[in-house]
Amino acid sequence: MIDFAGRTAFVTGGANGVGIGLVRALLAEGCKVAIADIREDHIERAVKSLDNREVMGVQVNVSSREEMVRAADEVEAKFGPVTLLFNNAGVNLFQSVEDSSWSDWDWLMGVNLHGPINGCMTFVPRMIAHGKGGYVVNTASMAGWLASGSPGIYNTTKFAVRGLSESLRHSLAPKGIGVSCVCPGLVKSLIYASDDIRPDGLMADARPVDHENVKRLAGMHEVGMEPDVIAERILQGMRENQAYIFPMPDHKEELAEYFQEVLGDYRDYPEDQGYDERIRIEGLRRQSYKTAREAARKAT
């Protein structure tokens, strides 16, 4: 079981939404916490609201490898080795793939996918070198399981974060580092206002902001789950070393229904040449995968 007290945590997207909930929960557990966010004014407001000397803010664009390294150096110089990493920052465009531009792809992929990649590539080698164990939590979404036509790019990034998390979970388990993938649904957050922080350099062919839709989405997110509730459930999932943390029960039946639809697309084809050898090879892979899952659950 992961012991939180005394560890240093790095939380991206830490000034709002699930991020600030995690910050509060981690401080309550006795952690030293770095609030990493792109919005400096939000960081300052968050730090002031906490009244805790074991917290610091660091402005960073998670899509930049160089900025993540700089942020890591800054935090570890003050608080020591980071052994709890929360790749939580995310942005969204509520539109379909065919209605999106190259700059839309670059922006969302940069934050939602390259952000977690940059976090892992920056901090995981340091965790291994420090030899103090640790934990990585990547925030995906139920949109990483259930993909409607919109938001197309967001769905793509969140499906990819699932794959990243599972692969990393298996490779890091022998090193005493746990990995969980968080899949929330509707959260009380500011993700509906992502356009506010879109970089000027990634505005090419961007669609005009639909202010009426933003207003509608703001109303929906107001009834989203409270960040503090989600954060407590994430920490509990880490204590139980869950591969996937579903902080909301809202989608369980829908997900089961969807899995049945997926299985329904299999067909009983006649055996072709090479079938027996493929089944033998796949049997070895299947057993190896099962062993890796079992080992990861027992590792931390």
C-alpha atoms as a PDB file:
ATOM      1  CA  MET A   1       0.000   0.000   0.000  1.00  0.00           C
ATOM      2  CA  ILE A   2       1.322   3.436  -0.944  1.00  0.00           C
ATOM      3  CA  ASP A   3       2.316   5.657   1.985  1.00  0.00           C
ATOM      4  CA  PHE A   4       1.612   9.307   1.176  1.00  0.00           C
ATOM      5  CA  ALA A   5       3.083  11.097   4.177  1.00  0.00           C
ATOM      6  CA  GLY A   6       6.348  12.912   3.500  1.00  0.00           C
ATOM      7  CA  ARG A   7       6.316  12.344  -0.256  1.00  0.00           C
ATOM      8  CA  THR A   8       6.525  15.086  -2.865  1.00  0.00           C
ATOM      9  CA  ALA A   9       3.670  15.237  -5.381  1.00  0.00           C
ATOM     10  CA  PHE A  10       3.549  17.007  -8.747  1.00  0.00           C
ATOM     11  CA  VAL A  11       0.005  17.749  -9.973  1.00  0.00           C
ATOM     12  CA  THR A  12      -0.531  19.123 -13.472  1.00  0.00           C
ATOM     13  CA  GLY A  13      -3.676  21.127 -14.049  1.00  0.00           C
ATOM     14  CA  GLY A  14      -3.426  21.548 -10.305  1.00  0.00           C
ATOM     15  CA  ALA A  15      -5.060  24.947  -9.879  1.00  0.00           C
ATOM     16  CA  ASN A  16      -8.615  23.927 -10.801  1.00  0.00           C
ATOM     17  CA  GLY A  17     -11.030  21.021 -11.034  1.00  0.00           C
ATOM     18  CA  VAL A  18      -9.781  17.564 -10.099  1.00  0.00           C
ATOM     19  CA  GLY A  19      -6.274  19.000  -9.780  1.00  0.00           C
ATOM     20  CA  ILE A  20      -7.027  21.329  -6.870  1.00  0.00           C
ATOM     21  CA  GLY A  21      -9.020  18.560  -5.223  1.00  0.00           C
ATOM     22  CA  LEU A  22      -5.949  16.323  -5.418  1.00  0.00           C
ATOM     23  CA  VAL A  23      -3.758  19.097  -4.023  1.00  0.00           C
ATOM     24  CA  ARG A  24      -5.989  19.489  -0.965  1.00  0.00           C
ATOM     25  CA  ALA A  25      -6.258  15.744  -0.419  1.00  0.00           C
ATOM     26  CA  LEU A  26      -2.493  15.204  -0.717  1.00  0.00           C
ATOM     27  CA  LEU A  27      -1.685  18.044   1.690  1.00  0.00           C
ATOM     28  CA  ALA A  28      -4.092  16.478   4.179  1.00  0.00           C
ATOM     29  CA  GLU A  29      -2.112  13.242   3.877  1.00  0.00           C
ATOM     30  CA  GLY A  30       1.138  15.022   4.763  1.00  0.00           C
ATOM     31  CA  CYS A  31       2.573  15.435   1.278  1.00  0.00           C
ATOM     32  CA  LYS A  32       4.587  18.304  -0.120  1.00  0.00           C
ATOM     33  CA  VAL A  33       2.747  19.398  -3.246  1.00  0.00           C
ATOM     34  CA  ALA A  34       3.660  21.281  -6.419  1.00  0.00           C
ATOM     35  CA  ILE A  35       0.713  22.876  -8.224  1.00  0.00           C
ATOM     36  CA  ALA A  36       1.671  22.828 -11.899  1.00  0.00           C
ATOM     37  CA  ASP A  37      -0.597  24.844 -14.180  1.00  0.00           C
ATOM     38  CA  ILE A  38      -0.387  27.093 -17.224  1.00  0.00           C
ATOM     39  CA  ARG A  39      -2.414  29.899 -15.635  1.00  0.00           C
ATOM     40  CA  GLU A  40      -0.226  31.916 -13.278  1.00  0.00           C
ATOM     41  CA  ASP A  41      -3.124  33.847 -11.729  1.00  0.00           C
ATOM     42  CA  HIS A  42      -4.958  30.609 -10.962  1.00  0.00           C
ATOM     43  CA  ILE A  43      -1.827  29.168  -9.366  1.00  0.00           C
ATOM     44  CA  GLU A  44      -1.437  32.224  -7.138  1.00  0.00           C
ATOM     45  CA  ARG A  45      -5.077  32.075  -6.081  1.00  0.00           C
ATOM     46  CA  ALA A  46      -4.836  28.358  -5.355  1.00  0.00           C
ATOM     47  CA  VAL A  47      -1.670  28.696  -3.261  1.00  0.00           C
ATOM     48  CA  LYS A  48      -3.161  31.548  -1.230  1.00  0.00           C
ATOM     49  CA  SER A  49      -6.306  29.524  -0.542  1.00  0.00           C
ATOM     50  CA  LEU A  50      -4.340  26.638   0.973  1.00  0.00           C
ATOM     51  CA  ASP A  51      -2.411  28.397   3.754  1.00  0.00           C
ATOM     52  CA  ASN A  52       0.124  25.579   3.842  1.00  0.00           C
ATOM     53  CA  ARG A  53       3.894  26.045   3.689  1.00  0.00           C
ATOM     54  CA  GLU A  54       4.373  22.614   2.079  1.00  0.00           C
ATOM     55  CA  VAL A  55       2.871  23.739  -1.238  1.00  0.00           C
ATOM     56  CA  MET A  56       4.395  25.614  -4.162  1.00  0.00           C
ATOM     57  CA  GLY A  57       3.229  26.750  -7.562  1.00  0.00           C
ATOM     58  CA  VAL A  58       5.048  26.245 -10.835  1.00  0.00           C
ATOM     59  CA  GLN A  59       3.861  27.623 -14.152  1.00  0.00           C
ATOM     60  CA  VAL A  60       4.370  25.116 -16.935  1.00  0.00           C
ATOM     61  CA  ASN A  61       3.079  24.199 -20.370  1.00  0.00           C
ATOM     62  CA  VAL A  62       2.878  20.407 -20.119  1.00  0.00           C
ATOM     63  CA  SER A  63       3.163  20.014 -23.894  1.00  0.00           C
ATOM     64  CA  SER A  64       6.745  21.298 -23.709  1.00  0.00           C
ATOM     65  CA  ARG A  65       9.456  18.790 -22.805  1.00  0.00           C
ATOM     66  CA  GLU A  66      11.848  21.557 -21.872  1.00  0.00           C
ATOM     67  CA  GLU A  67       9.359  23.257 -19.567  1.00  0.00           C
ATOM     68  CA  MET A  68       8.560  19.985 -17.807  1.00  0.00           C
ATOM     69  CA  VAL A  69      12.244  19.368 -17.118  1.00  0.00           C
ATOM     70  CA  ARG A  70      12.632  22.920 -15.833  1.00  0.00           C
ATOM     71  CA  ALA A  71       9.584  22.489 -13.589  1.00  0.00           C
ATOM     72  CA  ALA A  72      10.883  19.164 -12.263  1.00  0.00           C
ATOM     73  CA  ASP A  73      14.254  20.693 -11.396  1.00  0.00           C
ATOM     74  CA  GLU A  74      12.555  23.631  -9.664  1.00  0.00           C
ATOM     75  CA  VAL A  75      10.272  21.451  -7.551  1.00  0.00           C
ATOM     76  CA  GLU A  76      12.904  18.901  -6.583  1.00  0.00           C
ATOM     77  CA  ALA A  77      15.319  21.662  -5.591  1.00  0.00           C
ATOM     78  CA  LYS A  78      12.785  22.867  -3.025  1.00  0.00           C
ATOM     79  CA  PHE A  79      10.863  19.760  -1.965  1.00  0.00           C
ATOM     80  CA  GLY A  80      13.119  16.826  -2.848  1.00  0.00           C
ATOM     81  CA  PRO A  81      12.431  13.889  -5.186  1.00  0.00           C
ATOM     82  CA  VAL A  82       8.982  13.741  -6.745  1.00  0.00           C
ATOM     83  CA  THR A  83       7.569  10.260  -6.166  1.00  0.00           C
ATOM     84  CA  LEU A  84       3.882  11.000  -6.775  1.00  0.00           C
ATOM     85  CA  LEU A  85       3.069  12.177 -10.301  1.00  0.00           C
ATOM     86  CA  PHE A  86      -0.433  13.219 -11.348  1.00  0.00           C
ATOM     87  CA  ASN A  87      -0.720  13.850 -15.096  1.00  0.00           C
ATOM     88  CA  ASN A  88      -4.051  15.582 -14.819  1.00  0.00           C
ATOM     89  CA  ALA A  89      -3.987  18.651 -17.114  1.00  0.00           C
ATOM     90  CA  GLY A  90      -6.482  18.534 -19.957  1.00  0.00           C
ATOM     91  CA  VAL A  91      -8.270  20.690 -22.525  1.00  0.00           C
ATOM     92  CA  ASN A  92     -11.192  20.058 -24.826  1.00  0.00           C
ATOM     93  CA  LEU A  93     -12.818  21.183 -28.040  1.00  0.00           C
ATOM     94  CA  PHE A  94     -16.401  20.021 -28.250  1.00  0.00           C
ATOM     95  CA  GLN A  95     -16.384  19.251 -31.964  1.00  0.00           C
ATOM     96  CA  SER A  96     -16.027  16.336 -34.368  1.00  0.00           C
ATOM     97  CA  VAL A  97     -12.856  15.205 -36.127  1.00  0.00           C
ATOM     98  CA  GLU A  98     -14.017  16.377 -39.554  1.00  0.00           C
ATOM     99  CA  ASP A  99     -14.766  19.847 -38.191  1.00  0.00           C
ATOM    100  CA  SER A 100     -11.281  20.175 -36.698  1.00  0.00           C
ATOM    101  CA  SER A 101      -8.091  21.745 -38.025  1.00  0.00           C
ATOM    102  CA  TRP A 102      -4.466  20.687 -37.799  1.00  0.00           C
ATOM    103  CA  SER A 103      -3.917  23.288 -35.095  1.00  0.00           C
ATOM    104  CA  ASP A 104      -6.833  21.806 -33.124  1.00  0.00           C
ATOM    105  CA  TRP A 105      -5.063  18.448 -33.254  1.00  0.00           C
ATOM    106  CA  ASP A 106      -1.728  19.944 -32.265  1.00  0.00           C
ATOM    107  CA  TRP A 107      -3.215  21.730 -29.268  1.00  0.00           C
ATOM    108  CA  LEU A 108      -5.250  18.869 -27.790  1.00  0.00           C
ATOM    109  CA  MET A 109      -2.658  16.207 -28.539  1.00  0.00           C
ATOM    110  CA  GLY A 110       0.009  18.437 -27.021  1.00  0.00           C
ATOM    111  CA  VAL A 111      -1.780  18.877 -23.700  1.00  0.00           C
ATOM    112  CA  ASN A 112      -3.832  15.694 -23.317  1.00  0.00           C
ATOM    113  CA  LEU A 113      -1.395  13.119 -24.673  1.00  0.00           C
ATOM    114  CA  HIS A 114       2.070  14.663 -24.917  1.00  0.00           C
ATOM    115  CA  GLY A 115       1.470  16.155 -21.460  1.00  0.00           C
ATOM    116  CA  PRO A 116       1.239  12.737 -19.748  1.00  0.00           C
ATOM    117  CA  ILE A 117       4.047  11.425 -21.953  1.00  0.00           C
ATOM    118  CA  ASN A 118       6.260  14.356 -20.989  1.00  0.00           C
ATOM    119  CA  GLY A 119       5.367  13.893 -17.337  1.00  0.00           C
ATOM    120  CA  CYS A 120       6.275  10.207 -17.433  1.00  0.00           C
ATOM    121  CA  MET A 121       9.446  10.703 -19.457  1.00  0.00           C
ATOM    122  CA  THR A 122      10.579  13.487 -17.113  1.00  0.00           C
ATOM    123  CA  PHE A 123       9.748  12.035 -13.713  1.00  0.00           C
ATOM    124  CA  VAL A 124       9.723   8.233 -14.042  1.00  0.00           C
ATOM    125  CA  PRO A 125      13.494   7.880 -14.694  1.00  0.00           C
ATOM    126  CA  ARG A 126      14.074  10.079 -11.649  1.00  0.00           C
ATOM    127  CA  MET A 127      11.753   7.922  -9.534  1.00  0.00           C
ATOM    128  CA  ILE A 128      13.643   4.828 -10.580  1.00  0.00           C
ATOM    129  CA  ALA A 129      17.006   6.477  -9.840  1.00  0.00           C
ATOM    130  CA  HIS A 130      15.867   7.720  -6.413  1.00  0.00           C
ATOM    131  CA  GLY A 131      14.836   4.176  -5.467  1.00  0.00           C
ATOM    132  CA  LYS A 132      12.028   5.334  -3.173  1.00  0.00           C
ATOM    133  CA  GLY A 133       9.199   3.750  -5.137  1.00  0.00           C
ATOM    134  CA  GLY A 134       6.322   5.963  -6.144  1.00  0.00           C
ATOM    135  CA  TYR A 135       3.105   6.250  -8.074  1.00  0.00           C
ATOM    136  CA  VAL A 136       1.916   7.667 -11.408  1.00  0.00           C
ATOM    137  CA  VAL A 137      -1.713   8.638 -11.945  1.00  0.00           C
ATOM    138  CA  ASN A 138      -2.842   9.542 -15.447  1.00  0.00           C
ATOM    139  CA  THR A 139      -6.214  11.215 -15.883  1.00  0.00           C
ATOM    140  CA  ALA A 140      -8.079   9.793 -18.861  1.00  0.00           C
ATOM    141  CA  SER A 141     -11.873  10.032 -18.974  1.00  0.00           C
ATOM    142  CA  MET A 142     -14.977   7.984 -19.619  1.00  0.00           C
ATOM    143  CA  ALA A 143     -14.503   9.554 -23.065  1.00  0.00           C
ATOM    144  CA  GLY A 144     -11.555   7.151 -23.303  1.00  0.00           C
ATOM    145  CA  TRP A 145     -14.033   4.247 -23.287  1.00  0.00           C
ATOM    146  CA  LEU A 146     -17.229   5.668 -24.756  1.00  0.00           C
ATOM    147  CA  ALA A 147     -16.594   7.726 -27.897  1.00  0.00           C
ATOM    148  CA  SER A 148     -19.369   9.703 -29.518  1.00  0.00           C
ATOM    149  CA  GLY A 149     -18.876  11.799 -32.644  1.00  0.00           C
ATOM    150  CA  SER A 150     -17.922  14.794 -30.563  1.00  0.00           C
ATOM    151  CA  PRO A 151     -15.463  15.522 -29.000  1.00  0.00           C
ATOM    152  CA  GLY A 152     -13.414  13.593 -31.550  1.00  0.00           C
ATOM    153  CA  ILE A 153      -9.855  14.707 -30.760  1.00  0.00           C
ATOM    154  CA  TYR A 154     -10.463  14.555 -27.011  1.00  0.00           C
ATOM    155  CA  ASN A 155     -11.692  10.957 -27.349  1.00  0.00           C
ATOM    156  CA  THR A 156      -8.583  10.066 -29.316  1.00  0.00           C
ATOM    157  CA  THR A 157      -6.230  11.450 -26.673  1.00  0.00           C
ATOM    158  CA  LYS A 158      -8.028   9.788 -23.788  1.00  0.00           C
ATOM    159  CA  PHE A 159      -8.042   6.361 -25.455  1.00  0.00           C
ATOM    160  CA  ALA A 160      -4.281   6.787 -25.916  1.00  0.00           C
ATOM    161  CA  VAL A 161      -3.763   7.728 -22.258  1.00  0.00           C
ATOM    162  CA  ARG A 162      -5.369   4.412 -21.309  1.00  0.00           C
ATOM    163  CA  GLY A 163      -2.838   2.504 -23.409  1.00  0.00           C
ATOM    164  CA  LEU A 164       0.050   4.510 -22.023  1.00  0.00           C
ATOM    165  CA  SER A 165      -1.097   3.851 -18.474  1.00  0.00           C
ATOM    166  CA  GLU A 166      -1.575   0.113 -18.864  1.00  0.00           C
ATOM    167  CA  SER A 167       1.767  -0.440 -20.541  1.00  0.00           C
ATOM    168  CA  LEU A 168       3.568   1.680 -17.966  1.00  0.00           C
ATOM    169  CA  ARG A 169       1.807  -0.107 -15.120  1.00  0.00           C
ATOM    170  CA  HIS A 170       3.230  -3.446 -16.203  1.00  0.00           C
ATOM    171  CA  SER A 171       6.761  -2.223 -16.866  1.00  0.00           C
ATOM    172  CA  LEU A 172       7.058  -0.240 -13.610  1.00  0.00           C
ATOM    173  CA  ALA A 173       5.557  -2.795 -11.237  1.00  0.00           C
ATOM    174  CA  PRO A 174       8.860  -4.672 -10.758  1.00  0.00           C
ATOM    175  CA  LYS A 175      10.472  -1.342  -9.855  1.00  0.00           C
ATOM    176  CA  GLY A 176       8.018  -0.659  -7.030  1.00  0.00           C
ATOM    177  CA  ILE A 177       6.178   2.117  -8.871  1.00  0.00           C
ATOM    178  CA  GLY A 178       2.410   1.893  -9.215  1.00  0.00           C
ATOM    179  CA  VAL A 179       0.326   3.274 -12.078  1.00  0.00           C
ATOM    180  CA  SER A 180      -3.398   3.989 -12.213  1.00  0.00           C
ATOM    181  CA  CYS A 181      -5.598   5.472 -14.911  1.00  0.00           C
ATOM    182  CA  VAL A 182      -8.453   7.668 -13.674  1.00  0.00           C
ATOM    183  CA  CYS A 183     -11.646   7.730 -15.727  1.00  0.00           C
ATOM    184  CA  PRO A 184     -14.075  10.373 -14.469  1.00  0.00           C
ATOM    185  CA  GLY A 185     -17.264  11.534 -16.108  1.00  0.00           C
ATOM    186  CA  LEU A 186     -18.833  14.944 -15.537  1.00  0.00           C
ATOM    187  CA  VAL A 187     -16.657  16.975 -13.169  1.00  0.00           C
ATOM    188  CA  LYS A 188     -17.091  20.430 -11.691  1.00  0.00           C
ATOM    189  CA  SER A 189     -14.219  22.038 -13.584  1.00  0.00           C
ATOM    190  CA  LEU A 190     -13.344  24.739 -16.115  1.00  0.00           C
ATOM    191  CA  ILE A 191     -12.618  22.416 -19.034  1.00  0.00           C
ATOM    192  CA  TYR A 192     -15.577  23.888 -20.910  1.00  0.00           C
ATOM    193  CA  ALA A 193     -13.579  27.150 -21.081  1.00  0.00           C
ATOM    194  CA  SER A 194     -10.438  25.603 -22.594  1.00  0.00           C
ATOM    195  CA  ASP A 195     -10.397  28.199 -25.377  1.00  0.00           C
ATOM    196  CA  ASP A 196      -9.318  30.767 -22.790  1.00  0.00           C
ATOM    197  CA  ILE A 197      -5.863  29.196 -22.567  1.00  0.00           C
ATOM    198  CA  ARG A 198      -5.316  28.207 -26.187  1.00  0.00           C
ATOM    199  CA  PRO A 199      -1.855  29.383 -27.320  1.00  0.00           C
ATOM    200  CA  ASP A 200      -1.764  32.100 -29.952  1.00  0.00           C
ATOM    201  CA  GLY A 201       0.556  29.974 -32.058  1.00  0.00           C
ATOM    202  CA  LEU A 202      -2.105  27.258 -32.359  1.00  0.00           C
ATOM    203  CA  MET A 203      -5.015  29.404 -33.497  1.00  0.00           C
ATOM    204  CA  ALA A 204      -4.724  28.707 -37.232  1.00  0.00           C
ATOM    205  CA  ASP A 205      -8.123  27.777 -38.682  1.00  0.00           C
ATOM    206  CA  ALA A 206      -9.648  27.656 -35.211  1.00  0.00           C
ATOM    207  CA  ARG A 207     -13.429  27.880 -35.249  1.00  0.00           C
ATOM    208  CA  PRO A 208     -14.997  30.911 -33.564  1.00  0.00           C
ATOM    209  CA  VAL A 209     -15.913  30.264 -29.934  1.00  0.00           C
ATOM    210  CA  ASP A 210     -19.573  29.304 -29.590  1.00  0.00           C
ATOM    211  CA  HIS A 211     -20.368  31.350 -26.503  1.00  0.00           C
ATOM    212  CA  GLU A 212     -23.899  29.949 -26.200  1.00  0.00           C
ATOM    213  CA  ASN A 213     -22.514  26.408 -26.166  1.00  0.00           C
ATOM    214  CA  VAL A 214     -19.881  27.404 -23.619  1.00  0.00           C
ATOM    215  CA  LYS A 215     -22.652  28.777 -21.415  1.00  0.00           C
ATOM    216  CA  ARG A 216     -24.609  25.534 -21.770  1.00  0.00           C
ATOM    217  CA  LEU A 217     -21.541  23.438 -20.948  1.00  0.00           C
ATOM    218  CA  ALA A 218     -20.800  25.629 -17.936  1.00  0.00           C
ATOM    219  CA  GLY A 219     -24.250  24.816 -16.572  1.00  0.00           C
ATOM    220  CA  MET A 220     -23.655  21.089 -17.098  1.00  0.00           C
ATOM    221  CA  HIS A 221     -20.296  21.172 -15.344  1.00  0.00           C
ATOM    222  CA  GLU A 222     -21.795  23.017 -12.390  1.00  0.00           C
ATOM    223  CA  VAL A 223     -23.586  19.789 -11.468  1.00  0.00           C
ATOM    224  CA  GLY A 224     -20.442  17.726 -12.018  1.00  0.00           C
ATOM    225  CA  MET A 225     -18.872  15.771  -9.183  1.00  0.00           C
ATOM    226  CA  GLU A 226     -17.005  17.885  -6.651  1.00  0.00           C
ATOM    227  CA  PRO A 227     -13.201  17.747  -7.087  1.00  0.00           C
ATOM    228  CA  ASP A 228     -12.656  16.899  -3.408  1.00  0.00           C
ATOM    229  CA  VAL A 229     -14.901  13.836  -3.699  1.00  0.00           C
ATOM    230  CA  ILE A 230     -13.078  12.613  -6.799  1.00  0.00           C
ATOM    231  CA  ALA A 231      -9.687  13.248  -5.193  1.00  0.00           C
ATOM    232  CA  GLU A 232     -10.506  11.131  -2.140  1.00  0.00           C
ATOM    233  CA  ARG A 233     -11.630   8.303  -4.403  1.00  0.00           C
ATOM    234  CA  ILE A 234      -8.439   8.578  -6.445  1.00  0.00           C
ATOM    235  CA  LEU A 235      -6.287   8.290  -3.320  1.00  0.00           C
ATOM    236  CA  GLN A 236      -8.321   5.290  -2.217  1.00  0.00           C
ATOM    237  CA  GLY A 237      -7.815   3.707  -5.636  1.00  0.00           C
ATOM    238  CA  MET A 238      -4.076   4.260  -5.257  1.00  0.00           C
ATOM    239  CA  ARG A 239      -4.133   2.579  -1.837  1.00  0.00           C
ATOM    240  CA  GLU A 240      -5.834  -0.403  -3.477  1.00  0.00           C
ATOM    241  CA  ASN A 241      -3.436  -0.218  -6.448  1.00  0.00           C
ATOM    242  CA  GLN A 242      -6.280  -0.226  -8.968  1.00  0.00           C
ATOM    243  CA  ALA A 243      -5.381  -0.330 -12.644  1.00  0.00           C
ATOM    244  CA  TYR A 244      -8.443   1.791 -13.376  1.00  0.00           C
ATOM    245  CA  ILE A 245     -10.059   4.189 -10.962  1.00  0.00           C
ATOM    246  CA  PHE A 246     -13.696   4.910 -11.796  1.00  0.00           C
ATOM    247  CA  PRO A 247     -14.642   7.609  -9.273  1.00  0.00           C
ATOM    248  CA  MET A 248     -18.270   7.691 -10.451  1.00  0.00           C
ATOM    249  CA  PRO A 249     -20.756   4.807 -10.712  1.00  0.00           C
ATOM    250  CA  ASP A 250     -22.634   6.659 -13.464  1.00  0.00           C
ATOM    251  CA  HIS A 251     -21.382   4.645 -16.447  1.00  0.00           C
ATOM    252  CA  LYS A 252     -21.063   1.062 -15.160  1.00  0.00           C
ATOM    253  CA  GLU A 253     -24.168  -0.309 -16.881  1.00  0.00           C
ATOM    254  CA  GLU A 254     -23.430   1.569 -20.092  1.00  0.00           C
ATOM    255  CA  LEU A 255     -19.879   0.232 -20.195  1.00  0.00           C
ATOM    256  CA  ALA A 256     -21.078  -3.345 -19.678  1.00  0.00           C
ATOM    257  CA  GLU A 257     -23.595  -2.866 -22.482  1.00  0.00           C
ATOM    258  CA  TYR A 258     -20.888  -1.491 -24.756  1.00  0.00           C
ATOM    259  CA  PHE A 259     -18.543  -4.418 -24.035  1.00  0.00           C
ATOM    260  CA  GLN A 260     -21.297  -6.819 -25.037  1.00  0.00           C
ATOM    261  CA  GLU A 261     -21.742  -4.943 -28.322  1.00  0.00           C
ATOM    262  CA  VAL A 262     -17.993  -5.208 -28.985  1.00  0.00           C
ATOM    263  CA  LEU A 263     -17.973  -8.945 -28.327  1.00  0.00           C
ATOM    264  CA  GLY A 264     -21.001  -9.246 -30.606  1.00  0.00           C
ATOM    265  CA  ASP A 265     -18.842  -8.134 -33.535  1.00  0.00           C
ATOM    266  CA  TYR A 266     -16.772 -11.330 -33.350  1.00  0.00           C
ATOM    267  CA  ARG A 267     -17.611 -14.013 -35.936  1.00  0.00           C
ATOM    268  CA  ASP A 268     -17.049 -17.778 -35.910  1.00  0.00           C
ATOM    269  CA  TYR A 269     -14.894 -17.970 -39.032  1.00  0.00           C
ATOM    270  CA  PRO A 270     -13.588 -21.324 -40.312  1.00  0.00           C
ATOM    271  CA  GLU A 271     -10.011 -22.157 -39.337  1.00  0.00           C
ATOM    272  CA  ASP A 272      -7.468 -20.936 -41.861  1.00  0.00           C
ATOM    273  CA  GLN A 273      -3.888 -21.981 -42.566  1.00  0.00           C
ATOM    274  CA  GLY A 274      -1.644 -21.246 -39.590  1.00  0.00           C
ATOM    275  CA  TYR A 275      -4.546 -21.102 -37.117  1.00  0.00           C
ATOM    276  CA  ASP A 276      -3.157 -23.696 -34.682  1.00  0.00           C
ATOM    277  CA  GLU A 277       0.274 -22.050 -34.496  1.00  0.00           C
ATOM    278  CA  ARG A 278      -1.267 -18.613 -34.007  1.00  0.00           C
ATOM    279  CA  ILE A 279      -3.433 -19.926 -31.188  1.00  0.00           C
ATOM    280  CA  ARG A 280      -0.338 -21.414 -29.543  1.00  0.00           C
ATOM    281  CA  ILE A 281       1.517 -18.087 -29.796  1.00  0.00           C
ATOM    282  CA  GLU A 282      -1.486 -16.106 -28.613  1.00  0.00           C
ATOM    283  CA  GLY A 283      -1.880 -18.519 -25.706  1.00  0.00           C
ATOM    284  CA  LEU A 284       1.648 -17.673 -24.557  1.00  0.00           C
ATOM    285  CA  ARG A 285       0.975 -13.956 -24.945  1.00  0.00           C
ATOM    286  CA  ARG A 286      -2.330 -14.273 -23.084  1.00  0.00           C
ATOM    287  CA  GLN A 287      -0.701 -16.016 -20.151  1.00  0.00           C
ATOM    288  CA  SER A 288       2.115 -13.478 -20.083  1.00  0.00           C
ATOM    289  CA  TYR A 289      -0.395 -10.612 -20.055  1.00  0.00           C
ATOM    290  CA  LYS A 290      -2.397 -12.228 -17.257  1.00  0.00           C
ATOM    291  CA  THR A 291       0.771 -12.764 -15.225  1.00  0.00           C
ATOM    292  CA  ALA A 292       1.750  -9.111 -15.737  1.00  0.00           C
ATOM    293  CA  ARG A 293      -1.662  -7.909 -14.546  1.00  0.00           C
ATOM    294  CA  GLU A 294      -1.514 -10.085 -11.461  1.00  0.00           C
ATOM    295  CA  ALA A 295       2.048  -8.981 -10.672  1.00  0.00           C
ATOM    296  CA  ALA A 296       1.127  -5.309 -11.040  1.00  0.00           C
ATOM    297  CA  ARG A 297      -1.759  -5.657  -8.589  1.00  0.00           C
ATOM    298  CA  LYS A 298       0.543  -7.186  -5.974  1.00  0.00           C
ATOM    299  CA  ALA A 299       3.489  -4.884  -6.566  1.00  0.00           C
ATOM    300  CA  THR A 300       2.825  -1.860  -4.330  1.00  0.00           C
END
